[in-house]
Each structure stands twice: as C-alpha cells, then as structure tokens.
Amino acid sequence: MTETPVIRLSGLSKRFKNHWLFKDLKMDIAPGARIAILGKNGSGKSTLLKILCGAMGPTGGEVGWQLNSTNLDLADWHRYFSYTAPYFELVESFTLEECLEFHFKLKQKRKEVDLNNWLEETGLKKHLTKNVGLFSSGMKQRLKLIITLASESGIYLLDEPTSNLDDQGINWFTEKIREIPTNCTVVIASNYEKEYVICDQFIDLNTHTSTL
C-alpha cells in the first residue's frame, strides 16, 4: 500500500497581477484527512490544488511534503498522489482498453478494485475498443474518475469531480469516494455540496481573498 505523506502549508499565498486569490494559508494536512476547498468561481480552488501537488508555485510561503518526518523532494511527490480535473486531457487516439492499460502500467491499481465491475457500473465496458476521442464529455469524466480512484495512491486530489456527470454518475462517484481507504488523504475542490459529502474539514477561499 502506498504511504501517505503529510502536506504542510506554511504562509501559503497566491497572487495574479494585483489580486490575491488567498493569503497566509497555514495548516498541516494529515494522512486520512478529508478536506474540501470551497469558494466561488475564480476564487483559486484549482490553483490551490495545483500548488498542493507542486504543479504551480506560490507567490509567497511554501508547501512541503513529509513522510516519516523526512522532507520529500518535489520530483518524488508524483509517486504518492492521483489527480483529476475536467481540464485534464486524455490520450484521445487510444481506445478505452489501451488507455487503461497504459495508465495502470504507470500507476498500480488498488487491489480491492474490480475494474470490470467499475466499467460495467459506469456504462463504459461496452466501449472498450472505442477511441476515447469519440467519447462524450460525461464518458470522459467517468473514465478520468476510474483512472484516478482505482489507482493505488496515498493522496487523491479532485477538482470538480462530478463535472459533466448525470445523477447516476454522481451517485457512482459518491459511492466510490467513500471506499477510499481511511489512511489516504482526499482533497476536493468544489462549490457543489454533493461532491464533498465525505469531507469534514474545509478551506473556504472566500475568506482568504483581498486586493492590493
């Protein structure tokens, strides 16, 4: 099982031009935390997720990942997390089968996940030989969630995870997110309550905005 690092936010701030999205965020995200990043559109939810995993740098402060009290190098963070967002691109020239095969060569599948069942439940199993580029936006989002939630990771970072999903897809997501092992960390950026129903800690970016 993948170990779960602590994510340490120390005075974290981010500014675009003359506008601060958030300032001086301080907290430790402990293994097993269930955290929702809340805020109106444009408040910096996606930006904060990107900073948490090292995909974007902060304007001020820093993010550190620690495992067993040892600081992890940024280059190694990717080994411990899975991430999905509506703006992430899939390899559209791959068939669904090829996409899954490619991904799970890079990232180990959680042993308890029955991938065939997940494909059946999401209605994707009958499309195994279809090119992902021909999928609807809802089918692509279900595939992204399967890839992310089925991966063996210590930390799951989810940006608007039910975007483009119908009610059945949303219900499937809420069921599967509850099955994430309790020692794993889940961080969900959202302004839609059904997406973060499992969360009991919150970062409300509406309270961290100001203008120079």
Protein backbone atom coordinates (compact mmCIF):
# COMPACT_ATOMS: atom_id res chain seq x y z
CA MET A 1 0.00 0.00 0.00
CA THR A 2 1.28 3.48 -0.88
CA GLU A 3 2.27 5.55 2.14
CA THR A 4 0.59 8.89 2.79
CA PRO A 5 2.74 12.00 3.30
CA VAL A 6 1.79 14.97 5.43
CA ILE A 7 1.22 18.12 3.34
CA ARG A 8 2.39 21.22 5.22
CA LEU A 9 1.20 24.68 4.18
CA SER A 10 3.33 27.50 5.62
CA GLY A 11 2.06 31.02 4.96
CA LEU A 12 0.86 29.98 1.50
CA SER A 13 -0.22 32.87 -0.73
CA LYS A 14 -1.03 33.28 -4.42
CA ARG A 15 -1.46 36.45 -6.44
CA PHE A 16 -2.34 37.08 -10.08
CA LYS A 17 -1.36 40.61 -11.11
CA ASN A 18 -2.78 42.84 -8.36
CA HIS A 19 -5.31 40.35 -6.99
CA TRP A 20 -4.63 37.95 -4.13
CA LEU A 21 -6.54 34.68 -4.50
CA PHE A 22 -5.57 33.69 -0.97
CA LYS A 23 -3.03 34.81 1.63
CA ASP A 24 -1.16 33.21 4.51
CA LEU A 25 -2.74 29.75 4.49
CA LYS A 26 -1.29 27.68 7.32
CA MET A 27 -2.22 24.09 8.06
CA ASP A 28 -0.98 20.52 8.11
CA ILE A 29 -2.96 18.05 6.01
CA ALA A 30 -2.54 14.81 7.91
CA PRO A 31 -2.86 11.29 6.44
CA GLY A 32 -6.52 10.33 6.26
CA ALA A 33 -7.82 13.89 6.12
CA ARG A 34 -10.97 14.62 4.11
CA ILE A 35 -10.77 18.25 3.03
CA ALA A 36 -12.96 20.37 0.76
CA ILE A 37 -11.60 23.52 -0.86
CA LEU A 38 -14.61 25.82 -1.20
CA GLY A 39 -15.11 29.11 -3.00
CA LYS A 40 -16.94 30.84 -5.78
CA ASN A 41 -15.73 30.51 -9.38
CA GLY A 42 -12.40 32.27 -9.78
CA SER A 43 -11.58 32.13 -6.07
CA GLY A 44 -8.50 29.94 -6.63
CA LYS A 45 -9.71 26.40 -5.87
CA SER A 46 -7.99 24.82 -8.88
CA THR A 47 -4.91 26.97 -8.33
CA LEU A 48 -4.58 25.79 -4.73
CA LEU A 49 -4.85 22.14 -5.81
CA LYS A 50 -2.09 22.69 -8.37
CA ILE A 51 0.12 24.31 -5.74
CA LEU A 52 -0.51 21.48 -3.27
CA CYS A 53 0.93 18.92 -5.69
CA GLY A 54 3.77 21.09 -6.99
CA ALA A 55 2.33 21.76 -10.45
CA MET A 56 2.33 25.51 -9.76
CA GLY A 57 4.42 27.66 -7.46
CA PRO A 58 3.01 30.02 -4.81
CA THR A 59 3.62 33.77 -4.70
CA GLY A 60 4.56 33.52 -1.05
CA GLY A 61 5.04 30.85 1.58
CA GLU A 62 5.66 27.23 0.73
CA VAL A 63 4.25 23.72 0.53
CA GLY A 64 6.21 20.81 1.91
CA TRP A 65 5.55 17.08 1.79
CA GLN A 66 6.88 14.94 4.64
CA LEU A 67 6.94 11.19 5.09
CA ASN A 68 8.05 9.76 8.43
CA SER A 69 9.35 13.24 9.35
CA THR A 70 11.55 13.32 6.24
CA ASN A 71 11.05 16.06 3.65
CA LEU A 72 10.29 14.67 0.20
CA ASP A 73 11.86 16.14 -2.93
CA LEU A 74 9.36 17.78 -5.27
CA ALA A 75 10.43 15.38 -8.02
CA ASP A 76 9.15 12.46 -5.91
CA TRP A 77 5.71 13.84 -4.98
CA HIS A 78 4.03 12.30 -8.03
CA ARG A 79 4.62 8.83 -6.60
CA TYR A 80 2.16 9.50 -3.78
CA PHE A 81 -0.87 11.16 -5.40
CA SER A 82 -3.55 10.79 -8.06
CA TYR A 83 -5.20 13.86 -9.56
CA THR A 84 -8.16 14.52 -11.80
CA ALA A 85 -9.79 17.65 -13.18
CA PRO A 86 -12.19 18.45 -16.04
CA TYR A 87 -9.40 20.27 -17.90
CA PHE A 88 -7.07 17.26 -17.90
CA GLU A 89 -6.65 15.75 -21.35
CA LEU A 90 -6.87 12.04 -22.13
CA VAL A 91 -4.93 10.40 -24.97
CA GLU A 92 -7.78 10.51 -27.45
CA SER A 93 -6.07 8.31 -30.03
CA PHE A 94 -6.16 5.43 -27.53
CA THR A 95 -9.07 3.08 -27.20
CA LEU A 96 -10.55 2.80 -23.72
CA GLU A 97 -8.75 -0.52 -23.27
CA GLU A 98 -5.42 0.97 -24.35
CA CYS A 99 -5.93 3.98 -22.08
CA LEU A 100 -6.48 1.78 -19.02
CA GLU A 101 -3.57 -0.50 -19.91
CA PHE A 102 -1.25 2.48 -20.36
CA HIS A 103 -2.27 4.15 -17.10
CA PHE A 104 -2.02 1.05 -14.92
CA LYS A 105 1.47 0.38 -16.21
CA LEU A 106 2.43 3.73 -14.71
CA LYS A 107 0.32 3.54 -11.56
CA GLN A 108 -0.58 0.40 -9.66
CA LYS A 109 -4.26 -0.45 -9.30
CA ARG A 110 -5.80 -0.72 -5.84
CA LYS A 111 -6.04 -4.45 -5.09
CA GLU A 112 -9.62 -4.23 -3.85
CA VAL A 113 -10.91 -2.58 -7.04
CA ASP A 114 -12.70 -4.80 -9.57
CA LEU A 115 -12.10 -2.80 -12.72
CA ASN A 116 -14.58 -4.83 -14.76
CA ASN A 117 -17.33 -4.01 -12.27
CA TRP A 118 -16.46 -0.33 -12.32
CA LEU A 119 -16.60 -0.28 -16.12
CA GLU A 120 -19.95 -2.08 -16.02
CA GLU A 121 -21.35 0.29 -13.40
CA THR A 122 -20.34 3.37 -15.38
CA GLY A 123 -21.61 2.03 -18.71
CA LEU A 124 -18.14 2.05 -20.25
CA LYS A 125 -17.48 -1.67 -20.55
CA LYS A 126 -19.18 -1.93 -23.94
CA HIS A 127 -16.86 0.79 -25.27
CA LEU A 128 -13.52 -0.92 -24.61
CA THR A 129 -12.47 -0.85 -28.28
CA LYS A 130 -13.78 2.67 -28.96
CA ASN A 131 -11.37 5.59 -29.31
CA VAL A 132 -11.50 7.91 -26.31
CA GLY A 133 -11.67 10.86 -28.70
CA LEU A 134 -15.16 9.72 -29.68
CA PHE A 135 -16.42 9.72 -26.08
CA SER A 136 -18.91 12.27 -24.81
CA SER A 137 -17.78 14.69 -22.09
CA GLY A 138 -19.61 12.59 -19.50
CA MET A 139 -17.91 9.37 -20.64
CA LYS A 140 -14.51 11.05 -20.49
CA GLN A 141 -15.18 12.28 -16.97
CA ARG A 142 -16.22 8.82 -15.81
CA LEU A 143 -13.02 7.42 -17.32
CA LYS A 144 -10.90 10.06 -15.54
CA LEU A 145 -12.54 9.17 -12.23
CA ILE A 146 -11.98 5.45 -12.78
CA ILE A 147 -8.31 6.04 -13.56
CA THR A 148 -7.87 8.28 -10.52
CA LEU A 149 -9.90 6.47 -7.87
CA ALA A 150 -8.75 2.99 -8.89
CA SER A 151 -5.09 3.97 -8.55
CA GLU A 152 -3.04 2.98 -5.51
CA SER A 153 -2.20 6.35 -4.00
CA GLY A 154 -1.76 7.97 -0.63
CA ILE A 155 -3.38 11.25 -1.67
CA TYR A 156 -6.33 11.87 -4.00
CA LEU A 157 -6.73 15.39 -5.42
CA LEU A 158 -10.04 16.00 -7.16
CA ASP A 159 -11.09 19.19 -8.94
CA GLU A 160 -14.85 19.42 -9.59
CA PRO A 161 -15.04 15.62 -9.89
CA THR A 162 -18.70 15.37 -10.98
CA SER A 163 -18.42 17.92 -13.79
CA ASN A 164 -20.35 16.65 -16.86
CA LEU A 165 -21.91 13.75 -14.90
CA ASP A 166 -25.61 12.93 -14.70
CA ASP A 167 -27.31 11.92 -11.45
CA GLN A 168 -26.35 8.27 -11.91
CA GLY A 169 -22.71 9.24 -12.43
CA ILE A 170 -22.75 11.50 -9.37
CA ASN A 171 -24.19 8.70 -7.23
CA TRP A 172 -21.50 6.33 -8.51
CA PHE A 173 -18.79 8.84 -7.61
CA THR A 174 -20.11 9.43 -4.08
CA GLU A 175 -20.19 5.67 -3.52
CA LYS A 176 -16.63 5.14 -4.73
CA ILE A 177 -15.12 8.11 -2.91
CA ARG A 178 -16.45 6.67 0.35
CA GLU A 179 -14.47 3.48 -0.39
CA ILE A 180 -11.10 5.25 -0.44
CA PRO A 181 -9.02 3.72 2.41
CA THR A 182 -9.23 5.70 5.62
CA ASN A 183 -5.45 6.17 5.84
CA CYS A 184 -5.48 8.01 2.49
CA THR A 185 -5.96 11.75 2.15
CA VAL A 186 -8.71 13.19 -0.05
CA VAL A 187 -8.80 16.86 -1.11
CA ILE A 188 -11.76 18.01 -3.24
CA ALA A 189 -12.06 21.44 -4.85
CA SER A 190 -15.73 22.20 -5.34
CA ASN A 191 -18.66 24.52 -4.88
CA TYR A 192 -21.18 21.68 -5.16
CA GLU A 193 -22.06 20.02 -1.86
CA LYS A 194 -22.66 16.54 -3.27
CA GLU A 195 -19.03 16.39 -4.40
CA TYR A 196 -17.57 16.86 -0.93
CA VAL A 197 -20.10 14.96 1.16
CA ILE A 198 -17.32 12.89 2.79
CA CYS A 199 -15.34 15.94 3.90
CA ASP A 200 -15.21 17.16 7.49
CA GLN A 201 -12.51 19.84 7.09
CA PHE A 202 -12.79 22.91 4.89
CA ILE A 203 -10.65 25.61 3.32
CA ASP A 204 -13.01 28.44 2.36
CA LEU A 205 -11.18 30.67 -0.10
CA ASN A 206 -13.95 33.25 0.07
CA THR A 207 -12.45 34.24 3.42
CA HIS A 208 -8.87 34.47 2.08
CA THR A 209 -9.31 36.91 -0.81
CA SER A 210 -8.21 40.53 -0.92
CA THR A 211 -6.96 43.10 -3.41
CA LEU A 212 -3.75 45.12 -3.23
